[in-house]
Amino acid sequence: MKACVFTLGCKVNEVESASLMAALEGLGWEVTDRLCPADIYVLNTCAVTREAEKKSRQLVARARRSSPEALIYVCGCASQKNAGQFCDRGVRYVGGARDKQSVINAVCADFGGACAALPYPKHVRTRAFVKIEDGCNNFCSYCVIPYLRGRVTSRPIGDILGEIAQTSAEEIVLTGINISAYGRDTGCSLSSLLGAARGVRCRIRLGSLECGVVDDGFLSVCRDLFDFAPQFHLSLQSGSNAVLRAMNRHYTREQYLEKCALIYKYFPEAAITTDIIAGFPGESDGDFADSLSIIDEARFARVHAFAFSPREGTAAYSMEDIPAPVKSQRLHALLKKGEESAQKFISSRLGCRRQVIFEDFDGQYTDGYTPEYIKVYLPGRHAGRAEVELLDLFRDGALAKLGEGNE
């Protein structure tokens, strides 16, 4: 019997799907994460934007076309937000964003077997994502996720370290809905977790951060790790103070830039990456100019830009939306500026040597990532990790050659 576990959305969804895959394998199923003919489909959905929710609905039809007789089990944020949009499509089971154990229980009820508790995720790459918390307490005015995922719930440090110890991955990425809030429900903190991880002998990378978590103590703990990846995805959303207030973001442009300066103090070669929303309600031309200019001021290594998408149930949903052509124009300007910033960042590292952990081979080049998350392409097939020299801009990263002693 074959099961397909297909995922839309964030890294947290991917981690949870990996646990579902491990559970199904433990029950004797052949499992794949590719959409292909199967006996059952477990579809882990996303609702971060209207487009993501639309793709989640379309995913049911795609699975149905692939195997018309298969049973379909739906979970994730889109089904948490509106279960009816899937119940009407003839699926076998509809769950939500949390309690993925219920998905496995539903499969067991249909096919037999029992899974006492979801196992650690099935890791199939050289980089493993480890979920450290779920939920968010921020309630940004544009975001529906706190309503779907609930308040912050942190995993015990011992459980997290136990999962890390069981993986053979070269790199661990600590992820969650809001990892900056890790431990606020238990009297712990992200710094405490990192301090406990000093003995981990693989590269540790952090998922998306809020700038409020960045201080001297936090950065000192990061610096003390055995192999820390100095890439900080520091969520921004807008370079305008007026827009930040409307978004219910609890910092100013100036405070954000101070946090960037502090990161560069501890990690001079750090990569700071970010998210910026184009066309938030009420965003003026001047506000948008602030978002463009902060890209240079913060020296971003990468910018993930996307247009504002009103989500029902959020405070921003009732705000007057900006015309679509204006949002599109601003988005393209952000994407262009972000690309220029990324190329400038990579160019400043050409000629430098970096430790790269290899991931995929496309038949001609093996790719992998430096600690700063520069994607590197090396001719030929390689595995593990090696020191390379960055040679030139190439594709979406840099062309490289093996450093001396690695040939």
Protein backbone atom coordinates (compact mmCIF):
# COMPACT_ATOMS: atom_id res chain seq x y z
CA MET A 1 0.00 0.00 0.00
CA LYS A 2 1.32 3.42 -0.97
CA ALA A 3 0.78 6.74 0.78
CA CYS A 4 1.53 10.20 -0.57
CA VAL A 5 2.13 12.97 1.99
CA PHE A 6 2.10 16.25 0.08
CA THR A 7 2.85 19.60 1.68
CA LEU A 8 2.10 23.23 0.93
CA GLY A 9 3.41 26.18 2.92
CA CYS A 10 6.06 26.75 5.55
CA LYS A 11 8.90 24.71 7.01
CA VAL A 12 6.75 23.89 10.03
CA ASN A 13 4.29 22.14 7.73
CA GLU A 14 7.19 20.27 6.15
CA VAL A 15 8.45 19.11 9.54
CA GLU A 16 4.98 17.95 10.58
CA SER A 17 4.55 16.13 7.27
CA ALA A 18 7.89 14.42 7.86
CA SER A 19 6.54 13.10 11.17
CA LEU A 20 3.43 11.83 9.37
CA MET A 21 5.64 10.08 6.82
CA ALA A 22 7.66 8.41 9.59
CA ALA A 23 4.46 7.27 11.30
CA LEU A 24 3.04 5.78 8.10
CA GLU A 25 6.29 3.98 7.36
CA GLY A 26 6.15 2.54 10.85
CA LEU A 27 2.70 1.18 10.01
CA GLY A 28 4.09 -0.57 6.94
CA TRP A 29 3.16 1.90 4.23
CA GLU A 30 5.36 2.78 1.28
CA VAL A 31 5.55 6.58 1.55
CA THR A 32 6.43 9.35 -0.87
CA ASP A 33 6.31 13.16 -0.74
CA ARG A 34 5.75 13.43 -4.50
CA LEU A 35 2.26 13.76 -5.96
CA CYS A 36 1.87 10.46 -7.80
CA PRO A 37 -0.57 7.53 -7.92
CA ALA A 38 -1.22 6.23 -4.39
CA ASP A 39 -3.76 4.45 -2.22
CA ILE A 40 -4.11 7.37 0.17
CA TYR A 41 -3.15 11.04 0.15
CA VAL A 42 -2.37 13.13 3.21
CA LEU A 43 -2.54 16.77 2.12
CA ASN A 44 -0.99 19.31 4.50
CA THR A 45 -2.43 22.68 3.50
CA CYS A 46 -1.55 26.37 3.87
CA ALA A 47 -3.62 29.52 4.44
CA VAL A 48 -1.01 32.27 4.76
CA THR A 49 -2.41 33.98 1.63
CA ARG A 50 -5.58 33.66 -0.44
CA GLU A 51 -3.50 32.13 -3.23
CA ALA A 52 -2.11 29.49 -0.85
CA GLU A 53 -5.62 28.61 0.27
CA LYS A 54 -6.74 28.34 -3.36
CA LYS A 55 -3.82 26.01 -4.14
CA SER A 56 -4.81 23.90 -1.13
CA ARG A 57 -8.30 23.39 -2.57
CA GLN A 58 -6.87 22.63 -5.99
CA LEU A 59 -4.56 20.06 -4.45
CA VAL A 60 -7.55 17.82 -3.67
CA ALA A 61 -8.53 17.80 -7.33
CA ARG A 62 -4.96 17.04 -8.38
CA ALA A 63 -4.81 14.06 -6.03
CA ARG A 64 -8.22 12.88 -7.24
CA ARG A 65 -7.06 12.99 -10.87
CA SER A 66 -3.94 11.03 -9.98
CA SER A 67 -5.83 8.22 -8.22
CA PRO A 68 -9.65 8.53 -8.41
CA GLU A 69 -10.30 5.74 -5.88
CA ALA A 70 -7.80 6.84 -3.27
CA LEU A 71 -8.83 8.10 0.16
CA ILE A 72 -7.82 11.70 0.89
CA TYR A 73 -6.98 13.04 4.35
CA VAL A 74 -6.62 16.83 4.70
CA CYS A 75 -4.94 18.76 7.50
CA GLY A 76 -3.10 22.05 7.99
CA CYS A 77 -3.94 25.73 8.20
CA ALA A 78 -6.38 25.96 5.27
CA SER A 79 -8.57 23.20 6.69
CA GLN A 80 -8.29 24.74 10.16
CA LYS A 81 -9.52 28.05 8.74
CA ASN A 82 -12.43 26.57 6.80
CA ALA A 83 -13.02 22.83 6.97
CA GLY A 84 -16.13 23.09 4.83
CA GLN A 85 -14.19 23.96 1.70
CA PHE A 86 -12.72 20.44 1.85
CA CYS A 87 -15.70 18.52 3.25
CA ASP A 88 -17.61 19.55 0.14
CA ARG A 89 -14.95 17.92 -2.03
CA GLY A 90 -15.56 14.38 -0.87
CA VAL A 91 -12.42 13.87 1.18
CA ARG A 92 -12.28 11.09 3.76
CA TYR A 93 -11.00 13.15 6.71
CA VAL A 94 -10.52 16.84 7.51
CA GLY A 95 -8.30 17.88 10.41
CA GLY A 96 -6.64 21.12 11.42
CA ALA A 97 -3.30 22.79 11.94
CA ARG A 98 -2.48 21.04 15.21
CA ASP A 99 -2.93 17.49 16.50
CA LYS A 100 -1.51 15.75 13.44
CA GLN A 101 -1.77 12.53 15.45
CA SER A 102 -5.48 12.54 14.59
CA VAL A 103 -4.57 12.11 10.90
CA ILE A 104 -2.73 8.89 11.65
CA ASN A 105 -5.58 7.75 13.91
CA ALA A 106 -8.01 8.27 11.01
CA VAL A 107 -5.80 6.21 8.67
CA CYS A 108 -5.54 3.46 11.29
CA ALA A 109 -9.33 3.45 11.71
CA ASP A 110 -9.69 2.84 7.97
CA PHE A 111 -6.83 0.39 7.40
CA GLY A 112 -5.94 -1.03 10.82
CA GLY A 113 -2.87 -0.60 12.97
CA ALA A 114 -2.06 1.81 15.76
CA CYS A 115 0.46 4.58 16.30
CA ALA A 116 0.83 5.54 19.97
CA ALA A 117 2.54 8.87 19.26
CA LEU A 118 3.96 10.65 16.25
CA PRO A 119 7.66 9.78 15.85
CA TYR A 120 10.44 12.22 15.14
CA PRO A 121 10.33 13.48 11.53
CA LYS A 122 11.76 11.40 8.73
CA HIS A 123 14.86 13.30 7.58
CA VAL A 124 15.88 12.63 4.00
CA ARG A 125 18.35 15.45 3.28
CA THR A 126 21.68 16.70 4.59
CA ARG A 127 19.76 19.55 6.28
CA ALA A 128 17.16 18.62 8.90
CA PHE A 129 14.45 20.96 10.18
CA VAL A 130 13.65 20.55 13.87
CA LYS A 131 10.44 22.14 15.13
CA ILE A 132 10.97 23.74 18.55
CA GLU A 133 7.60 25.43 19.09
CA ASP A 134 4.17 26.01 17.61
CA GLY A 135 1.89 29.03 17.67
CA CYS A 136 2.34 32.80 17.89
CA ASN A 137 1.17 35.50 20.30
CA ASN A 138 2.01 38.54 18.13
CA PHE A 139 -1.26 38.99 16.22
CA CYS A 140 0.18 41.18 13.47
CA SER A 141 -2.74 42.92 11.82
CA TYR A 142 -2.25 41.13 8.47
CA CYS A 143 -1.62 37.58 9.72
CA VAL A 144 -4.22 34.84 10.21
CA ILE A 145 -1.77 32.21 11.48
CA PRO A 146 -2.11 32.94 15.26
CA TYR A 147 -5.85 32.32 14.93
CA LEU A 148 -5.19 28.97 13.28
CA ARG A 149 -2.13 27.74 15.18
CA GLY A 150 -3.00 29.18 18.58
CA ARG A 151 -0.71 30.53 21.30
CA VAL A 152 2.95 29.63 21.69
CA THR A 153 3.59 26.07 22.84
CA SER A 154 7.25 25.16 23.32
CA ARG A 155 8.82 21.71 23.22
CA PRO A 156 10.99 20.67 26.17
CA ILE A 157 14.70 21.25 25.61
CA GLY A 158 15.49 17.60 26.32
CA ASP A 159 13.05 16.43 23.65
CA ILE A 160 14.55 18.79 21.08
CA LEU A 161 18.10 17.68 21.86
CA GLY A 162 16.96 14.06 21.73
CA GLU A 163 15.64 14.54 18.20
CA ILE A 164 18.84 16.28 17.13
CA ALA A 165 20.91 13.41 18.54
CA GLN A 166 18.99 10.90 16.43
CA THR A 167 19.56 12.64 13.11
CA SER A 168 22.67 12.20 11.00
CA ALA A 169 22.13 15.49 9.16
CA GLU A 170 25.11 17.78 8.66
CA GLU A 171 22.97 20.82 9.44
CA ILE A 172 20.09 21.40 11.85
CA VAL A 173 17.61 24.24 11.27
CA LEU A 174 15.60 25.23 14.34
CA THR A 175 12.16 26.18 13.09
CA GLY A 176 8.68 27.03 14.33
CA ILE A 177 5.87 29.51 13.82
CA ASN A 178 7.67 32.08 16.01
CA ILE A 179 10.93 30.68 17.39
CA SER A 180 11.79 34.03 18.99
CA ALA A 181 8.99 33.32 21.47
CA TYR A 182 10.38 29.90 22.36
CA GLY A 183 10.03 29.22 26.08
CA ARG A 184 7.75 32.13 26.95
CA ASP A 185 5.11 29.63 28.00
CA THR A 186 7.53 27.62 30.14
CA GLY A 187 9.82 30.26 31.64
CA CYS A 188 12.59 29.35 29.24
CA SER A 189 14.03 31.18 26.20
CA LEU A 190 15.63 30.64 22.80
CA SER A 191 18.98 31.60 24.35
CA SER A 192 18.53 28.87 26.97
CA LEU A 193 17.89 26.30 24.26
CA LEU A 194 20.97 27.39 22.30
CA GLY A 195 23.06 27.30 25.45
CA ALA A 196 21.97 23.71 26.01
CA ALA A 197 22.93 22.90 22.40
CA ARG A 198 26.61 23.83 22.82
CA GLY A 199 27.54 20.16 22.63
CA VAL A 200 25.83 19.58 19.27
CA ARG A 201 28.54 18.75 16.73
CA CYS A 202 26.86 19.83 13.53
CA ARG A 203 25.97 23.16 11.97
CA ILE A 204 23.03 24.93 13.61
CA ARG A 205 20.95 27.44 11.67
CA LEU A 206 18.01 29.43 12.97
CA GLY A 207 14.65 29.97 11.31
CA SER A 208 12.89 33.33 11.06
CA LEU A 209 13.49 35.69 13.99
CA GLU A 210 11.80 38.77 15.42
CA CYS A 211 14.22 41.63 16.06
CA GLY A 212 13.19 41.83 19.73
CA VAL A 213 15.08 38.61 20.51
CA VAL A 214 18.39 40.04 19.27
CA ASP A 215 20.55 41.33 22.12
CA ASP A 216 24.10 40.85 23.43
CA GLY A 217 23.21 37.77 25.44
CA PHE A 218 21.50 36.03 22.54
CA LEU A 219 24.32 36.78 20.09
CA SER A 220 26.95 35.67 22.60
CA VAL A 221 25.24 32.28 22.93
CA CYS A 222 25.07 31.96 19.15
CA ARG A 223 28.78 32.72 18.88
CA ASP A 224 29.60 30.03 21.45
CA LEU A 225 27.98 27.23 19.46
CA PHE A 226 30.26 24.60 17.93
CA ASP A 227 29.23 25.43 14.34
CA PHE A 228 26.75 28.29 14.07
CA ALA A 229 25.49 29.50 10.68
CA PRO A 230 25.57 33.32 10.85
CA GLN A 231 22.47 33.84 8.74
CA PHE A 232 19.78 35.81 10.52
CA HIS A 233 16.37 35.91 8.87
CA LEU A 234 15.18 39.02 10.67
CA SER A 235 11.55 39.66 9.82
CA LEU A 236 10.97 43.31 8.80
CA GLN A 237 7.71 43.58 6.73
CA SER A 238 8.07 47.36 6.12
CA GLY A 239 10.70 50.07 6.34
CA SER A 240 8.11 52.67 7.30
CA ASN A 241 7.32 53.45 10.93
CA ALA A 242 3.75 54.38 10.04
CA VAL A 243 3.16 51.08 8.29
CA LEU A 244 4.88 49.12 11.08
CA ARG A 245 2.42 50.65 13.56
CA ALA A 246 -0.52 49.74 11.34
CA MET A 247 0.86 46.20 11.09
CA ASN A 248 1.06 45.95 14.90
CA ARG A 249 4.79 45.30 14.67
CA HIS A 250 6.43 46.27 17.95
CA TYR A 251 9.57 48.05 16.77
CA THR A 252 10.59 51.04 14.67
CA ARG A 253 12.76 51.30 11.60
CA GLU A 254 15.51 52.77 13.76
CA GLN A 255 15.33 49.95 16.30
CA TYR A 256 15.45 47.37 13.54
CA LEU A 257 18.61 48.92 12.08
CA GLU A 258 20.17 48.98 15.55
CA LYS A 259 19.61 45.22 15.77
CA CYS A 260 21.25 44.75 12.37
CA ALA A 261 24.28 46.76 13.55
CA LEU A 262 24.50 44.61 16.68
CA ILE A 263 24.49 41.42 14.57
CA TYR A 264 27.31 42.77 12.40
CA LYS A 265 29.26 43.63 15.58
CA TYR A 266 29.22 39.98 16.69
CA PHE A 267 29.28 38.44 13.20
CA PRO A 268 30.99 40.82 10.71
CA GLU A 269 30.41 38.34 7.85
CA ALA A 270 26.77 37.68 8.74
CA ALA A 271 23.99 37.47 6.19
CA ILE A 272 20.80 39.24 7.22
CA THR A 273 17.78 38.18 5.19
CA THR A 274 14.23 39.43 5.53
CA ASP A 275 10.59 39.63 4.41
CA ILE A 276 8.93 42.81 3.10
CA ILE A 277 5.26 43.25 2.22
CA ALA A 278 4.40 45.43 -0.78
CA GLY A 279 1.21 47.49 -0.75
CA PHE A 280 -0.03 47.20 2.81
CA PRO A 281 -3.26 49.24 3.28
CA GLY A 282 -2.45 52.93 3.70
CA GLU A 283 1.12 52.57 2.41
CA SER A 284 2.00 55.89 0.74
CA ASP A 285 4.68 56.48 -1.86
CA GLY A 286 6.89 57.79 0.93
CA ASP A 287 6.26 54.71 3.05
CA PHE A 288 7.21 52.50 0.15
CA ALA A 289 10.35 54.54 -0.48
CA ASP A 290 11.33 53.77 3.12
CA SER A 291 11.00 50.05 2.41
CA LEU A 292 13.25 50.38 -0.64
CA SER A 293 15.90 52.44 1.11
CA ILE A 294 16.24 50.16 4.15
CA ILE A 295 17.41 47.34 1.86
CA ASP A 296 20.69 49.20 1.33
CA GLU A 297 20.91 50.48 4.91
CA ALA A 298 20.52 47.00 6.42
CA ARG A 299 22.73 45.43 3.71
CA PHE A 300 20.33 42.56 3.21
CA ALA A 301 21.74 39.39 1.69
CA ARG A 302 18.31 38.34 0.46
CA VAL A 303 14.82 39.85 0.44
CA HIS A 304 11.64 37.80 0.27
CA ALA A 305 9.08 40.28 -1.07
CA PHE A 306 5.39 39.59 -1.56
CA ALA A 307 2.21 41.60 -2.08
CA PHE A 308 -0.26 42.18 0.74
CA SER A 309 -3.05 39.60 0.77
CA PRO A 310 -6.11 40.46 2.91
CA ARG A 311 -7.09 37.58 5.18
CA GLU A 312 -10.58 37.40 6.64
CA GLY A 313 -10.55 37.58 10.43
CA THR A 314 -7.51 39.85 10.70
CA ALA A 315 -7.52 43.54 11.62
CA ALA A 316 -6.13 44.51 8.21
CA TYR A 317 -8.98 42.77 6.38
CA SER A 318 -11.28 45.75 6.95
CA MET A 319 -8.66 48.31 5.92
CA GLU A 320 -8.96 49.89 2.48
CA ASP A 321 -6.86 47.85 0.09
CA ILE A 322 -4.40 49.43 -2.32
CA PRO A 323 -5.22 48.96 -6.04
CA ALA A 324 -3.74 45.78 -7.48
CA PRO A 325 -1.67 47.57 -10.18
CA VAL A 326 0.03 49.69 -7.50
CA LYS A 327 0.79 46.61 -5.38
CA SER A 328 2.17 44.84 -8.42
CA GLN A 329 4.38 47.76 -9.37
CA ARG A 330 5.75 48.04 -5.85
CA LEU A 331 6.31 44.30 -5.60
CA HIS A 332 8.37 44.28 -8.79
CA ALA A 333 10.42 47.22 -7.52
CA LEU A 334 11.12 45.36 -4.27
CA LEU A 335 12.06 42.19 -6.11
CA LYS A 336 14.47 44.10 -8.35
CA LYS A 337 16.05 45.93 -5.43
CA GLY A 338 16.30 42.69 -3.46
CA GLU A 339 18.02 40.94 -6.36
CA GLU A 340 20.54 43.76 -6.64
CA SER A 341 21.23 43.53 -2.91
CA ALA A 342 21.70 39.75 -3.11
CA GLN A 343 24.16 40.02 -5.98
CA LYS A 344 26.08 42.72 -4.12
CA PHE A 345 26.28 40.50 -1.05
CA ILE A 346 27.50 37.44 -2.99
CA SER A 347 29.98 39.54 -5.00
CA SER A 348 31.53 40.79 -1.76
CA ARG A 349 32.35 37.15 -0.86
CA LEU A 350 33.95 36.16 -4.17
CA GLY A 351 37.48 34.94 -3.63
CA CYS A 352 36.63 33.86 -0.07
CA ARG A 353 36.68 30.29 1.23
CA ARG A 354 33.71 28.77 2.96
CA GLN A 355 32.65 25.41 4.36
CA VAL A 356 29.84 24.09 2.17
CA ILE A 357 27.47 21.26 3.00
CA PHE A 358 26.50 19.54 -0.25
CA GLU A 359 22.88 18.67 -1.01
CA ASP A 360 21.82 17.90 -4.60
CA PHE A 361 23.44 16.88 -7.87
CA ASP A 362 21.74 17.88 -11.14
CA GLY A 363 23.95 15.81 -13.43
CA GLN A 364 26.49 18.59 -13.88
CA TYR A 365 26.79 20.53 -10.63
CA THR A 366 26.48 19.69 -6.95
CA ASP A 367 24.88 22.45 -4.93
CA GLY A 368 25.07 23.28 -1.26
CA TYR A 369 25.05 26.21 1.12
CA THR A 370 27.67 28.24 2.93
CA PRO A 371 27.09 29.25 6.56
CA GLU A 372 25.69 32.59 5.27
CA TYR A 373 23.26 30.65 3.05
CA ILE A 374 24.92 31.44 -0.25
CA LYS A 375 23.96 28.70 -2.68
CA VAL A 376 27.13 27.28 -4.18
CA TYR A 377 27.52 25.26 -7.38
CA LEU A 378 30.52 22.94 -7.75
CA PRO A 379 31.17 20.99 -11.00
CA GLY A 380 30.86 17.23 -10.59
CA ARG A 381 29.31 15.05 -7.92
CA HIS A 382 30.24 15.65 -4.28
CA ALA A 383 28.91 14.64 -0.89
CA GLY A 384 29.34 15.62 2.73
CA ARG A 385 31.08 18.93 3.32
CA ALA A 386 34.22 20.62 2.04
CA GLU A 387 35.98 23.95 1.92
CA VAL A 388 35.43 25.74 -1.39
CA GLU A 389 36.52 29.01 -2.94
CA LEU A 390 33.76 31.21 -4.37
CA LEU A 391 34.66 32.20 -7.94
CA ASP A 392 31.84 34.10 -9.64
CA LEU A 393 28.13 34.85 -9.66
CA PHE A 394 26.28 31.84 -11.05
CA ARG A 395 22.57 31.06 -11.35
CA ASP A 396 21.02 32.01 -8.00
CA GLY A 397 24.30 31.83 -6.11
CA ALA A 398 28.00 31.39 -6.81
CA LEU A 399 30.23 29.08 -8.83
CA ALA A 400 32.97 27.51 -6.74
CA LYS A 401 36.00 25.24 -6.81
CA LEU A 402 37.34 22.94 -4.13
CA GLY A 403 39.83 24.54 -1.78
CA GLU A 404 43.36 23.20 -1.46
CA GLY A 405 43.41 19.95 0.46
CA ASN A 406 39.88 19.05 -0.66
CA GLU A 407 40.61 18.01 -4.24
